[in-house]
Every structure is written in C-alpha cells, then in structure tokens.
Amino acid sequence: MNKNGFTLVEVLIVVAIIGILAAIALPSYTAYIQQSNRVDAQIALSEMAQTFERNYARQGDYPTALPSITTPTSYNFSLSVDTATDTYTLTATPQGSQANDDCGTLSINQAGITSADETHCWR
C-alpha cells in the first residue's frame, strides 16, 4: 500500500524547527532595526546641528525652532535654546518600539558634545 503525504510527527517536527529558528532570528532582527533607527536619529540631530551652526555664522544667534528637515518617526525631536549664553541642546527621545532601545534619549549641543543613556551609542 502506497501512502502519500506527511505524518503528524513530521509536521510537528517542521513546526518545532521553524519555531526555534524564529526564536533565534527575531531578537537579532529587532536589534538591527533599533540600531538602524538610532543611526537615522543621530543623522537627523547632526543635520539640525549643522543648520543651527550655519544660522549662527550668518546671523549671530541660534534659531529658536527646530529646522524643517525629514526626521525619523521612531524618535520625537525637541530643542532647548538659551539665547543669553548662546547655547542649544537638540534631543531625540525614542518612541514606539524604539522606546525599548538601551541607548534611550540621544542629544547633541552647540559644542558638538553628544550624549545618550549608554556610552556606546554615538560612534
């Protein structure tokens, strides 16, 4: 007698193998996406800082509003300007799935000093 098809045991073994592979691959994929989003936020902060410095070179003061550049949606961007001391701090706060990132809030100031919740986050 010739039987075609798969047995229940064979199907369960394949499902178990797929589950194990997914359990290994998903955390790596999530970490890669978070790192990619973090780099996008760092680029956006650097572009904003360059815009601020160009404005300071031309007009002698820093803008009081964020420049209109394309920013990633995984971060919320904010600005703190002190016109009395000619300083500013640009901040990117993670939101959504990026909120689980160990690096947390990223920032850059007028001196080009970068900071994050972890020391390895700005490269």
Protein backbone atom coordinates (compact mmCIF):
# COMPACT_ATOMS: atom_id res chain seq x y z
CA MET A 1 0.00 0.00 0.00
CA ASN A 2 1.43 3.38 -1.09
CA LYS A 3 0.72 6.30 1.26
CA ASN A 4 1.25 9.88 0.14
CA GLY A 5 1.54 12.91 2.41
CA PHE A 6 3.14 13.73 5.72
CA THR A 7 2.58 12.20 9.11
CA LEU A 8 1.59 14.30 12.08
CA VAL A 9 5.01 13.73 13.67
CA GLU A 10 6.81 15.05 10.58
CA VAL A 11 4.64 18.18 10.52
CA LEU A 12 5.23 18.79 14.25
CA ILE A 13 9.00 18.43 13.79
CA VAL A 14 8.97 21.00 10.98
CA VAL A 15 6.85 23.40 13.08
CA ALA A 16 9.25 22.99 16.02
CA ILE A 17 12.27 23.71 13.81
CA ILE A 18 10.60 26.83 12.39
CA GLY A 19 9.75 27.98 15.92
CA ILE A 20 13.34 27.56 17.08
CA LEU A 21 14.70 29.45 14.07
CA ALA A 22 12.19 32.27 14.62
CA ALA A 23 13.11 32.50 18.31
CA ILE A 24 16.76 32.96 17.33
CA ALA A 25 16.24 35.31 14.38
CA LEU A 26 13.60 37.70 15.78
CA PRO A 27 15.74 39.27 18.56
CA SER A 28 18.61 39.81 16.11
CA TYR A 29 16.26 41.43 13.61
CA THR A 30 14.75 43.68 16.29
CA ALA A 31 18.20 44.79 17.46
CA TYR A 32 19.20 45.56 13.88
CA ILE A 33 16.07 47.67 13.32
CA GLN A 34 16.67 49.58 16.57
CA GLN A 35 20.27 50.28 15.60
CA SER A 36 19.17 51.47 12.16
CA ASN A 37 16.55 53.80 13.68
CA ARG A 38 19.14 55.12 16.15
CA VAL A 39 21.55 55.95 13.33
CA ASP A 40 18.73 57.76 11.49
CA ALA A 41 18.08 59.85 14.60
CA GLN A 42 21.80 60.62 15.00
CA ILE A 43 21.97 61.77 11.38
CA ALA A 44 18.91 63.97 11.87
CA LEU A 45 20.41 65.52 15.02
CA SER A 46 23.70 66.17 13.21
CA GLU A 47 21.88 67.81 10.28
CA MET A 48 19.92 70.01 12.69
CA ALA A 49 23.13 70.99 14.49
CA GLN A 50 24.72 71.93 11.15
CA THR A 51 21.68 74.05 10.30
CA PHE A 52 21.95 75.78 13.67
CA GLU A 53 25.66 76.48 13.18
CA ARG A 54 25.08 77.90 9.68
CA ASN A 55 22.40 80.17 11.09
CA TYR A 56 24.72 81.26 13.91
CA ALA A 57 27.51 82.03 11.42
CA ARG A 58 25.16 84.11 9.27
CA GLN A 59 23.03 85.88 11.86
CA GLY A 60 24.95 85.67 15.13
CA ASP A 61 22.33 83.68 17.05
CA TYR A 62 20.75 80.25 17.13
CA PRO A 63 17.22 79.61 15.85
CA THR A 64 14.51 79.10 18.46
CA ALA A 65 12.63 76.43 16.48
CA LEU A 66 13.56 73.07 15.04
CA PRO A 67 14.60 73.23 11.38
CA SER A 68 12.25 71.60 8.90
CA ILE A 69 14.19 68.54 7.85
CA THR A 70 12.97 65.00 7.41
CA THR A 71 13.10 63.23 10.76
CA PRO A 72 12.53 59.56 11.55
CA THR A 73 9.18 58.75 13.15
CA SER A 74 10.79 56.43 15.71
CA TYR A 75 12.02 59.45 17.68
CA ASN A 76 10.43 62.64 18.99
CA PHE A 77 12.73 65.64 18.48
CA SER A 78 12.90 68.64 20.82
CA LEU A 79 15.02 71.75 21.24
CA SER A 80 16.29 73.76 24.18
CA VAL A 81 17.86 77.15 23.38
CA ASP A 82 19.41 79.58 25.86
CA THR A 83 19.82 82.87 24.00
CA ALA A 84 21.61 84.54 26.91
CA THR A 85 24.55 82.15 26.72
CA ASP A 86 24.25 81.24 23.02
CA THR A 87 23.78 77.55 23.71
CA TYR A 88 21.37 74.90 22.49
CA THR A 89 20.67 71.24 23.02
CA LEU A 90 18.90 69.09 20.44
CA THR A 91 17.27 65.98 21.85
CA ALA A 92 15.79 62.85 20.24
CA THR A 93 13.57 60.82 22.55
CA PRO A 94 12.69 57.29 21.39
CA GLN A 95 9.04 56.40 20.99
CA GLY A 96 7.03 53.36 19.99
CA SER A 97 9.04 50.17 19.55
CA GLN A 98 12.26 52.22 19.71
CA ALA A 99 11.49 53.06 23.36
CA ASN A 100 12.95 49.65 24.31
CA ASP A 101 16.36 50.64 22.91
CA ASP A 102 19.10 50.65 25.57
CA CYS A 103 20.54 53.91 24.21
CA GLY A 104 17.40 55.84 25.13
CA THR A 105 17.48 59.60 24.62
CA LEU A 106 20.12 60.99 22.25
CA SER A 107 21.30 64.61 22.34
CA ILE A 108 23.85 66.98 20.85
CA ASN A 109 24.72 70.53 21.91
CA GLN A 110 26.34 73.61 20.35
CA ALA A 111 29.83 72.35 21.22
CA GLY A 112 29.20 69.11 19.33
CA ILE A 113 29.11 67.09 22.53
CA THR A 114 26.88 64.07 22.12
CA SER A 115 25.22 62.10 24.87
CA ALA A 116 22.96 59.09 25.32
CA ASP A 117 21.79 56.83 28.12
CA GLU A 118 24.61 54.39 27.23
CA THR A 119 28.21 55.32 26.34
CA HIS A 120 28.49 53.15 23.20
CA CYS A 121 25.52 54.70 21.37
CA TRP A 122 27.24 57.52 19.44
CA ARG A 123 30.02 56.34 17.13
